[in-house]
Amino acid sequence: MNNTRWLFTFGGIIALVYGIGDLFFTEFFFSIYDSKTDATGMNLAHFLGMTNITLGLVIFALRDLTDRTTIRKVCAGAAVGLFMGIFVAVEA
């Protein structure tokens, strides 16, 4: 298994685990984020869970890519998104 296949497989599985956790074990997973689980927090958790599930399925589906240009673009887009998320989390 090459490195990008392993990365996309592992990343997809991790995103799916967090997405399912946000949907079905909201209080536990939101305690990780140190967030409230009131009505707004529950809606946010479910939205975050579905976003993680969608991201996980897309990443997992892309694990068989062989075109290096496409792999670079997918990785660059994911990196930009992650750094923007880190920036927002630090600023909050």
PDB file of N, CA and C in Angstrom:
ATOM      1  N   MET A   1       0.854  -1.174   0.000  1.00  0.00           N
ATOM      2  CA  MET A   1       0.000   0.000   0.000  1.00  0.00           C
ATOM      3  C   MET A   1       0.901   1.237   0.000  1.00  0.00           C
ATOM      4  N   ASN A   2       0.673   2.127  -0.963  1.00  0.00           N
ATOM      5  CA  ASN A   2       1.517   3.318  -1.016  1.00  0.00           C
ATOM      6  C   ASN A   2       1.064   4.339   0.040  1.00  0.00           C
ATOM      7  N   ASN A   3       1.854   5.371   0.212  1.00  0.00           N
ATOM      8  CA  ASN A   3       1.615   6.334   1.293  1.00  0.00           C
ATOM      9  C   ASN A   3       0.307   7.094   1.159  1.00  0.00           C
ATOM     10  N   THR A   4      -0.047   7.520  -0.058  1.00  0.00           N
ATOM     11  CA  THR A   4      -1.287   8.289  -0.205  1.00  0.00           C
ATOM     12  C   THR A   4      -2.514   7.412   0.011  1.00  0.00           C
ATOM     13  N   ARG A   5      -2.459   6.163  -0.426  1.00  0.00           N
ATOM     14  CA  ARG A   5      -3.587   5.252  -0.186  1.00  0.00           C
ATOM     15  C   ARG A   5      -3.773   5.061   1.316  1.00  0.00           C
ATOM     16  N   TRP A   6      -2.671   4.857   2.043  1.00  0.00           N
ATOM     17  CA  TRP A   6      -2.749   4.686   3.494  1.00  0.00           C
ATOM     18  C   TRP A   6      -3.276   5.956   4.154  1.00  0.00           C
ATOM     19  N   LEU A   7      -2.792   7.112   3.711  1.00  0.00           N
ATOM     20  CA  LEU A   7      -3.220   8.386   4.281  1.00  0.00           C
ATOM     21  C   LEU A   7      -4.709   8.612   4.067  1.00  0.00           C
ATOM     22  N   PHE A   8      -5.198   8.395   2.845  1.00  0.00           N
ATOM     23  CA  PHE A   8      -6.615   8.599   2.558  1.00  0.00           C
ATOM     24  C   PHE A   8      -7.487   7.575   3.277  1.00  0.00           C
ATOM     25  N   THR A   9      -7.030   6.336   3.388  1.00  0.00           N
ATOM     26  CA  THR A   9      -7.801   5.318   4.109  1.00  0.00           C
ATOM     27  C   THR A   9      -7.895   5.676   5.583  1.00  0.00           C
ATOM     28  N   PHE A  10      -6.767   5.988   6.194  1.00  0.00           N
ATOM     29  CA  PHE A  10      -6.736   6.323   7.617  1.00  0.00           C
ATOM     30  C   PHE A  10      -7.516   7.605   7.896  1.00  0.00           C
ATOM     31  N   GLY A  11      -7.320   8.636   7.075  1.00  0.00           N
ATOM     32  CA  GLY A  11      -8.033   9.901   7.266  1.00  0.00           C
ATOM     33  C   GLY A  11      -9.535   9.741   7.115  1.00  0.00           C
ATOM     34  N   GLY A  12      -9.955   8.944   6.150  1.00  0.00           N
ATOM     35  CA  GLY A  12     -11.377   8.693   5.959  1.00  0.00           C
ATOM     36  C   GLY A  12     -12.004   7.966   7.137  1.00  0.00           C
ATOM     37  N   ILE A  13     -11.305   6.980   7.653  1.00  0.00           N
ATOM     38  CA  ILE A  13     -11.825   6.223   8.798  1.00  0.00           C
ATOM     39  C   ILE A  13     -11.911   7.107  10.034  1.00  0.00           C
ATOM     40  N   ILE A  14     -10.894   7.917  10.285  1.00  0.00           N
ATOM     41  CA  ILE A  14     -10.907   8.814  11.448  1.00  0.00           C
ATOM     42  C   ILE A  14     -12.050   9.819  11.336  1.00  0.00           C
ATOM     43  N   ALA A  15     -12.258  10.398  10.157  1.00  0.00           N
ATOM     44  CA  ALA A  15     -13.354  11.348   9.975  1.00  0.00           C
ATOM     45  C   ALA A  15     -14.703  10.669  10.174  1.00  0.00           C
ATOM     46  N   LEU A  16     -14.845   9.435   9.710  1.00  0.00           N
ATOM     47  CA  LEU A  16     -16.090   8.696   9.912  1.00  0.00           C
ATOM     48  C   LEU A  16     -16.341   8.414  11.390  1.00  0.00           C
ATOM     49  N   VAL A  17     -15.302   8.036  12.113  1.00  0.00           N
ATOM     50  CA  VAL A  17     -15.448   7.757  13.551  1.00  0.00           C
ATOM     51  C   VAL A  17     -15.904   9.016  14.291  1.00  0.00           C
ATOM     52  N   TYR A  18     -15.267  10.137  14.007  1.00  0.00           N
ATOM     53  CA  TYR A  18     -15.668  11.381  14.674  1.00  0.00           C
ATOM     54  C   TYR A  18     -17.062  11.817  14.245  1.00  0.00           C
ATOM     55  N   GLY A  19     -17.409  11.619  12.982  1.00  0.00           N
ATOM     56  CA  GLY A  19     -18.746  11.981  12.518  1.00  0.00           C
ATOM     57  C   GLY A  19     -19.828  11.158  13.189  1.00  0.00           C
ATOM     58  N   ILE A  20     -19.623   9.851  13.270  1.00  0.00           N
ATOM     59  CA  ILE A  20     -20.595   8.984  13.937  1.00  0.00           C
ATOM     60  C   ILE A  20     -20.666   9.315  15.420  1.00  0.00           C
ATOM     61  N   GLY A  21     -19.518   9.610  16.009  1.00  0.00           N
ATOM     62  CA  GLY A  21     -19.504  10.008  17.417  1.00  0.00           C
ATOM     63  C   GLY A  21     -20.262  11.290  17.670  1.00  0.00           C
ATOM     64  N   ASP A  22     -20.096  12.261  16.775  1.00  0.00           N
ATOM     65  CA  ASP A  22     -20.821  13.529  16.934  1.00  0.00           C
ATOM     66  C   ASP A  22     -22.323  13.339  16.780  1.00  0.00           C
ATOM     67  N   LEU A  23     -22.735  12.398  15.959  1.00  0.00           N
ATOM     68  CA  LEU A  23     -24.165  12.166  15.774  1.00  0.00           C
ATOM     69  C   LEU A  23     -24.793  11.376  16.922  1.00  0.00           C
ATOM     70  N   PHE A  24     -24.127  10.319  17.360  1.00  0.00           N
ATOM     71  CA  PHE A  24     -24.764   9.394  18.298  1.00  0.00           C
ATOM     72  C   PHE A  24     -24.269   9.505  19.740  1.00  0.00           C
ATOM     73  N   PHE A  25     -23.086  10.035  19.952  1.00  0.00           N
ATOM     74  CA  PHE A  25     -22.530  10.203  21.296  1.00  0.00           C
ATOM     75  C   PHE A  25     -22.157  11.665  21.500  1.00  0.00           C
ATOM     76  N   THR A  26     -23.143  12.522  21.292  1.00  0.00           N
ATOM     77  CA  THR A  26     -22.910  13.961  21.226  1.00  0.00           C
ATOM     78  C   THR A  26     -22.307  14.516  22.506  1.00  0.00           C
ATOM     79  N   GLU A  27     -22.847  14.145  23.644  1.00  0.00           N
ATOM     80  CA  GLU A  27     -22.357  14.732  24.896  1.00  0.00           C
ATOM     81  C   GLU A  27     -20.906  14.367  25.149  1.00  0.00           C
ATOM     82  N   PHE A  28     -20.537  13.121  24.889  1.00  0.00           N
ATOM     83  CA  PHE A  28     -19.149  12.716  25.107  1.00  0.00           C
ATOM     84  C   PHE A  28     -18.206  13.426  24.140  1.00  0.00           C
ATOM     85  N   PHE A  29     -18.550  13.425  22.855  1.00  0.00           N
ATOM     86  CA  PHE A  29     -17.655  14.026  21.879  1.00  0.00           C
ATOM     87  C   PHE A  29     -17.583  15.537  22.023  1.00  0.00           C
ATOM     88  N   PHE A  30     -18.676  16.173  22.435  1.00  0.00           N
ATOM     89  CA  PHE A  30     -18.610  17.620  22.610  1.00  0.00           C
ATOM     90  C   PHE A  30     -17.901  17.988  23.906  1.00  0.00           C
ATOM     91  N   SER A  31     -17.779  17.052  24.848  1.00  0.00           N
ATOM     92  CA  SER A  31     -16.952  17.334  26.020  1.00  0.00           C
ATOM     93  C   SER A  31     -15.479  17.406  25.622  1.00  0.00           C
ATOM     94  N   ILE A  32     -15.108  16.718  24.550  1.00  0.00           N
ATOM     95  CA  ILE A  32     -13.745  16.828  24.022  1.00  0.00           C
ATOM     96  C   ILE A  32     -13.487  18.252  23.536  1.00  0.00           C
ATOM     97  N   TYR A  33     -14.501  18.847  22.893  1.00  0.00           N
ATOM     98  CA  TYR A  33     -14.379  20.213  22.375  1.00  0.00           C
ATOM     99  C   TYR A  33     -14.672  21.252  23.447  1.00  0.00           C
ATOM    100  N   ASP A  34     -15.054  20.818  24.662  1.00  0.00           N
ATOM    101  CA  ASP A  34     -15.411  21.703  25.770  1.00  0.00           C
ATOM    102  C   ASP A  34     -16.505  22.677  25.342  1.00  0.00           C
ATOM    103  N   SER A  35     -17.583  22.107  24.796  1.00  0.00           N
ATOM    104  CA  SER A  35     -18.684  22.915  24.294  1.00  0.00           C
ATOM    105  C   SER A  35     -19.982  22.511  24.978  1.00  0.00           C
ATOM    106  N   LYS A  36     -20.981  23.376  24.896  1.00  0.00           N
ATOM    107  CA  LYS A  36     -22.272  23.132  25.522  1.00  0.00           C
ATOM    108  C   LYS A  36     -23.092  22.143  24.693  1.00  0.00           C
ATOM    109  N   THR A  37     -23.979  21.420  25.381  1.00  0.00           N
ATOM    110  CA  THR A  37     -24.866  20.507  24.671  1.00  0.00           C
ATOM    111  C   THR A  37     -26.318  20.941  24.852  1.00  0.00           C
ATOM    112  N   ASP A  38     -26.557  22.256  24.786  1.00  0.00           N
ATOM    113  CA  ASP A  38     -27.933  22.752  24.776  1.00  0.00           C
ATOM    114  C   ASP A  38     -28.493  22.543  23.359  1.00  0.00           C
ATOM    115  N   ALA A  39     -29.657  23.098  23.072  1.00  0.00           N
ATOM    116  CA  ALA A  39     -30.290  22.868  21.768  1.00  0.00           C
ATOM    117  C   ALA A  39     -29.402  23.343  20.613  1.00  0.00           C
ATOM    118  N   THR A  40     -28.785  24.495  20.782  1.00  0.00           N
ATOM    119  CA  THR A  40     -27.906  25.005  19.727  1.00  0.00           C
ATOM    120  C   THR A  40     -26.671  24.120  19.587  1.00  0.00           C
ATOM    121  N   GLY A  41     -26.108  23.711  20.705  1.00  0.00           N
ATOM    122  CA  GLY A  41     -24.943  22.828  20.672  1.00  0.00           C
ATOM    123  C   GLY A  41     -25.246  21.487  20.038  1.00  0.00           C
ATOM    124  N   MET A  42     -26.437  20.942  20.299  1.00  0.00           N
ATOM    125  CA  MET A  42     -26.818  19.665  19.694  1.00  0.00           C
ATOM    126  C   MET A  42     -26.960  19.809  18.182  1.00  0.00           C
ATOM    127  N   ASN A  43     -27.573  20.905  17.729  1.00  0.00           N
ATOM    128  CA  ASN A  43     -27.681  21.131  16.289  1.00  0.00           C
ATOM    129  C   ASN A  43     -26.304  21.285  15.654  1.00  0.00           C
ATOM    130  N   LEU A  44     -25.430  22.005  16.322  1.00  0.00           N
ATOM    131  CA  LEU A  44     -24.072  22.172  15.830  1.00  0.00           C
ATOM    132  C   LEU A  44     -23.346  20.833  15.784  1.00  0.00           C
ATOM    133  N   ALA A  45     -23.529  20.007  16.798  1.00  0.00           N
ATOM    134  CA  ALA A  45     -22.886  18.694  16.831  1.00  0.00           C
ATOM    135  C   ALA A  45     -23.372  17.814  15.695  1.00  0.00           C
ATOM    136  N   HIS A  46     -24.664  17.846  15.437  1.00  0.00           N
ATOM    137  CA  HIS A  46     -25.191  17.028  14.342  1.00  0.00           C
ATOM    138  C   HIS A  46     -24.704  17.535  12.990  1.00  0.00           C
ATOM    139  N   PHE A  47     -24.625  18.856  12.833  1.00  0.00           N
ATOM    140  CA  PHE A  47     -24.087  19.416  11.598  1.00  0.00           C
ATOM    141  C   PHE A  47     -22.617  19.034  11.427  1.00  0.00           C
ATOM    142  N   LEU A  48     -21.847  19.149  12.501  1.00  0.00           N
ATOM    143  CA  LEU A  48     -20.438  18.774  12.463  1.00  0.00           C
ATOM    144  C   LEU A  48     -20.284  17.289  12.172  1.00  0.00           C
ATOM    145  N   GLY A  49     -21.147  16.466  12.760  1.00  0.00           N
ATOM    146  CA  GLY A  49     -21.094  15.030  12.516  1.00  0.00           C
ATOM    147  C   GLY A  49     -21.353  14.690  11.061  1.00  0.00           C
ATOM    148  N   MET A  50     -22.372  15.296  10.476  1.00  0.00           N
ATOM    149  CA  MET A  50     -22.660  15.023   9.066  1.00  0.00           C
ATOM    150  C   MET A  50     -21.555  15.554   8.161  1.00  0.00           C
ATOM    151  N   THR A  51     -20.955  16.673   8.530  1.00  0.00           N
ATOM    152  CA  THR A  51     -19.834  17.195   7.750  1.00  0.00           C
ATOM    153  C   THR A  51     -18.654  16.240   7.813  1.00  0.00           C
ATOM    154  N   ASN A  52     -18.354  15.716   8.999  1.00  0.00           N
ATOM    155  CA  ASN A  52     -17.257  14.757   9.136  1.00  0.00           C
ATOM    156  C   ASN A  52     -17.539  13.463   8.390  1.00  0.00           C
ATOM    157  N   ILE A  53     -18.779  12.996   8.429  1.00  0.00           N
ATOM    158  CA  ILE A  53     -19.116  11.777   7.697  1.00  0.00           C
ATOM    159  C   ILE A  53     -18.951  11.999   6.194  1.00  0.00           C
ATOM    160  N   THR A  54     -19.422  13.136   5.705  1.00  0.00           N
ATOM    161  CA  THR A  54     -19.278  13.444   4.285  1.00  0.00           C
ATOM    162  C   THR A  54     -17.810  13.532   3.889  1.00  0.00           C
ATOM    163  N   LEU A  55     -17.026  14.236   4.686  1.00  0.00           N
ATOM    164  CA  LEU A  55     -15.598  14.360   4.415  1.00  0.00           C
ATOM    165  C   LEU A  55     -14.920  12.992   4.455  1.00  0.00           C
ATOM    166  N   GLY A  56     -15.266  12.178   5.431  1.00  0.00           N
ATOM    167  CA  GLY A  56     -14.683  10.841   5.540  1.00  0.00           C
ATOM    168  C   GLY A  56     -15.002   9.967   4.346  1.00  0.00           C
ATOM    169  N   LEU A  57     -16.248  10.013   3.871  1.00  0.00           N
ATOM    170  CA  LEU A  57     -16.623   9.212   2.710  1.00  0.00           C
ATOM    171  C   LEU A  57     -15.904   9.673   1.448  1.00  0.00           C
ATOM    172  N   VAL A  58     -15.766  10.986   1.295  1.00  0.00           N
ATOM    173  CA  VAL A  58     -15.060  11.512   0.116  1.00  0.00           C
ATOM    174  C   VAL A  58     -13.588  11.130   0.160  1.00  0.00           C
ATOM    175  N   ILE A  59     -12.954  11.325   1.294  1.00  0.00           N
ATOM    176  CA  ILE A  59     -11.537  10.977   1.417  1.00  0.00           C
ATOM    177  C   ILE A  59     -11.327   9.482   1.216  1.00  0.00           C
ATOM    178  N   PHE A  60     -12.199   8.667   1.799  1.00  0.00           N
ATOM    179  CA  PHE A  60     -12.085   7.218   1.664  1.00  0.00           C
ATOM    180  C   PHE A  60     -12.284   6.801   0.207  1.00  0.00           C
ATOM    181  N   ALA A  61     -13.192   7.454  -0.507  1.00  0.00           N
ATOM    182  CA  ALA A  61     -13.431   7.126  -1.916  1.00  0.00           C
ATOM    183  C   ALA A  61     -12.244   7.518  -2.796  1.00  0.00           C
ATOM    184  N   LEU A  62     -11.480   8.509  -2.375  1.00  0.00           N
ATOM    185  CA  LEU A  62     -10.343   8.975  -3.174  1.00  0.00           C
ATOM    186  C   LEU A  62      -9.064   8.182  -2.926  1.00  0.00           C
ATOM    187  N   ARG A  63      -9.113   7.149  -2.121  1.00  0.00           N
ATOM    188  CA  ARG A  63      -7.896   6.420  -1.751  1.00  0.00           C
ATOM    189  C   ARG A  63      -7.243   5.688  -2.915  1.00  0.00           C
ATOM    190  N   ASP A  64      -7.982   5.444  -3.992  1.00  0.00           N
ATOM    191  CA  ASP A  64      -7.432   4.715  -5.139  1.00  0.00           C
ATOM    192  C   ASP A  64      -6.940   5.630  -6.257  1.00  0.00           C
ATOM    193  N   LEU A  65      -6.777   6.906  -5.968  1.00  0.00           N
ATOM    194  CA  LEU A  65      -6.262   7.830  -6.986  1.00  0.00           C
ATOM    195  C   LEU A  65      -4.839   7.453  -7.376  1.00  0.00           C
ATOM    196  N   THR A  66      -4.555   7.559  -8.660  1.00  0.00           N
ATOM    197  CA  THR A  66      -3.193   7.296  -9.127  1.00  0.00           C
ATOM    198  C   THR A  66      -2.573   8.530  -9.795  1.00  0.00           C
ATOM    199  N   ASP A  67      -3.388   9.478 -10.205  1.00  0.00           N
ATOM    200  CA  ASP A  67      -2.878  10.688 -10.846  1.00  0.00           C
ATOM    201  C   ASP A  67      -2.257  11.613  -9.799  1.00  0.00           C
ATOM    202  N   ARG A  68      -0.962  11.840  -9.921  1.00  0.00           N
ATOM    203  CA  ARG A  68      -0.246  12.605  -8.900  1.00  0.00           C
ATOM    204  C   ARG A  68      -0.700  14.061  -8.831  1.00  0.00           C
ATOM    205  N   THR A  69      -1.091  14.651  -9.949  1.00  0.00           N
ATOM    206  CA  THR A  69      -1.567  16.036  -9.934  1.00  0.00           C
ATOM    207  C   THR A  69      -2.849  16.150  -9.121  1.00  0.00           C
ATOM    208  N   THR A  70      -3.748  15.216  -9.316  1.00  0.00           N
ATOM    209  CA  THR A  70      -5.003  15.229  -8.563  1.00  0.00           C
ATOM    210  C   THR A  70      -4.746  14.987  -7.084  1.00  0.00           C
ATOM    211  N   ILE A  71      -3.854  14.077  -6.768  1.00  0.00           N
ATOM    212  CA  ILE A  71      -3.515  13.798  -5.362  1.00  0.00           C
ATOM    213  C   ILE A  71      -2.966  15.051  -4.702  1.00  0.00           C
ATOM    214  N   ARG A  72      -2.064  15.763  -5.399  1.00  0.00           N
ATOM    215  CA  ARG A  72      -1.510  16.999  -4.841  1.00  0.00           C
ATOM    216  C   ARG A  72      -2.581  18.043  -4.601  1.00  0.00           C
ATOM    217  N   LYS A  73      -3.524  18.172  -5.532  1.00  0.00           N
ATOM    218  CA  LYS A  73      -4.594  19.163  -5.379  1.00  0.00           C
ATOM    219  C   LYS A  73      -5.513  18.807  -4.223  1.00  0.00           C
ATOM    220  N   VAL A  74      -5.843  17.539  -4.075  1.00  0.00           N
ATOM    221  CA  VAL A  74      -6.700  17.109  -2.957  1.00  0.00           C
ATOM    222  C   VAL A  74      -5.990  17.356  -1.629  1.00  0.00           C
ATOM    223  N   CYS A  75      -4.708  16.993  -1.550  1.00  0.00           N
ATOM    224  CA  CYS A  75      -3.944  17.201  -0.310  1.00  0.00           C
ATOM    225  C   CYS A  75      -3.772  18.683   0.003  1.00  0.00           C
ATOM    226  N   ALA A  76      -3.530  19.493  -1.022  1.00  0.00           N
ATOM    227  CA  ALA A  76      -3.383  20.936  -0.805  1.00  0.00           C
ATOM    228  C   ALA A  76      -4.695  21.541  -0.310  1.00  0.00           C
ATOM    229  N   GLY A  77      -5.809  21.154  -0.905  1.00  0.00           N
ATOM    230  CA  GLY A  77      -7.105  21.650  -0.449  1.00  0.00           C
ATOM    231  C   GLY A  77      -7.411  21.235   0.975  1.00  0.00           C
ATOM    232  N   ALA A  78      -7.098  19.988   1.317  1.00  0.00           N
ATOM    233  CA  ALA A  78      -7.323  19.517   2.680  1.00  0.00           C
ATOM    234  C   ALA A  78      -6.428  20.268   3.670  1.00  0.00           C
ATOM    235  N   ALA A  79      -5.180  20.507   3.287  1.00  0.00           N
ATOM    236  CA  ALA A  79      -4.259  21.221   4.173  1.00  0.00           C
ATOM    237  C   ALA A  79      -4.716  22.655   4.415  1.00  0.00           C
ATOM    238  N   VAL A  80      -5.155  23.326   3.366  1.00  0.00           N
ATOM    239  CA  VAL A  80      -5.646  24.696   3.519  1.00  0.00           C
ATOM    240  C   VAL A  80      -6.861  24.711   4.447  1.00  0.00           C
ATOM    241  N   GLY A  81      -7.787  23.784   4.235  1.00  0.00           N
ATOM    242  CA  GLY A  81      -8.970  23.705   5.097  1.00  0.00           C
ATOM    243  C   GLY A  81      -8.617  23.433   6.546  1.00  0.00           C
ATOM    244  N   LEU A  82      -7.661  22.538   6.773  1.00  0.00           N
ATOM    245  CA  LEU A  82      -7.255  22.231   8.149  1.00  0.00           C
ATOM    246  C   LEU A  82      -6.575  23.427   8.811  1.00  0.00           C
ATOM    247  N   PHE A  83      -5.713  24.121   8.087  1.00  0.00           N
ATOM    248  CA  PHE A  83      -5.051  25.290   8.665  1.00  0.00           C
ATOM    249  C   PHE A  83      -6.044  26.409   8.950  1.00  0.00           C
ATOM    250  N   MET A  84      -7.045  26.559   8.102  1.00  0.00           N
ATOM    251  CA  MET A  84      -8.077  27.563   8.372  1.00  0.00           C
ATOM    252  C   MET A  84      -8.873  27.171   9.624  1.00  0.00           C
ATOM    253  N   GLY A  85      -9.153  25.888   9.783  1.00  0.00           N
ATOM    254  CA  GLY A  85      -9.851  25.416  10.980  1.00  0.00           C
ATOM    255  C   GLY A  85      -9.021  25.637  12.241  1.00  0.00           C
ATOM    256  N   ILE A  86      -7.736  25.388  12.157  1.00  0.00           N
ATOM    257  CA  ILE A  86      -6.856  25.638  13.297  1.00  0.00           C
ATOM    258  C   ILE A  86      -6.847  27.122  13.636  1.00  0.00           C
ATOM    259  N   PHE A  87      -6.763  27.981  12.627  1.00  0.00           N
ATOM    260  CA  PHE A  87      -6.765  29.423  12.846  1.00  0.00           C
ATOM    261  C   PHE A  87      -8.054  29.865  13.537  1.00  0.00           C
ATOM    262  N   VAL A  88      -9.194  29.365  13.069  1.00  0.00           N
ATOM    263  CA  VAL A  88     -10.471  29.730  13.670  1.00  0.00           C
ATOM    264  C   VAL A  88     -10.544  29.227  15.100  1.00  0.00           C
ATOM    265  N   ALA A  89     -10.062  27.999  15.353  1.00  0.00           N
ATOM    266  CA  ALA A  89     -10.108  27.434  16.696  1.00  0.00           C
ATOM    267  C   ALA A  89      -9.225  28.215  17.666  1.00  0.00           C
ATOM    268  N   VAL A  90      -8.082  28.659  17.205  1.00  0.00           N
ATOM    269  CA  VAL A  90      -7.151  29.415  18.071  1.00  0.00           C
ATOM    270  C   VAL A  90      -7.720  30.804  18.352  1.00  0.00           C
ATOM    271  N   GLU A  91      -8.349  31.400  17.377  1.00  0.00           N
ATOM    272  CA  GLU A  91      -8.899  32.747  17.543  1.00  0.00           C
ATOM    273  C   GLU A  91     -10.164  32.782  18.381  1.00  0.00           C
ATOM    274  N   ALA A  92     -10.849  31.649  18.509  1.00  0.00           N
ATOM    275  CA  ALA A  92     -12.137  31.630  19.226  1.00  0.00           C
ATOM    276  C   ALA A  92     -11.973  31.784  20.708  1.00  0.00           C
TER     277      ALA A  92
END
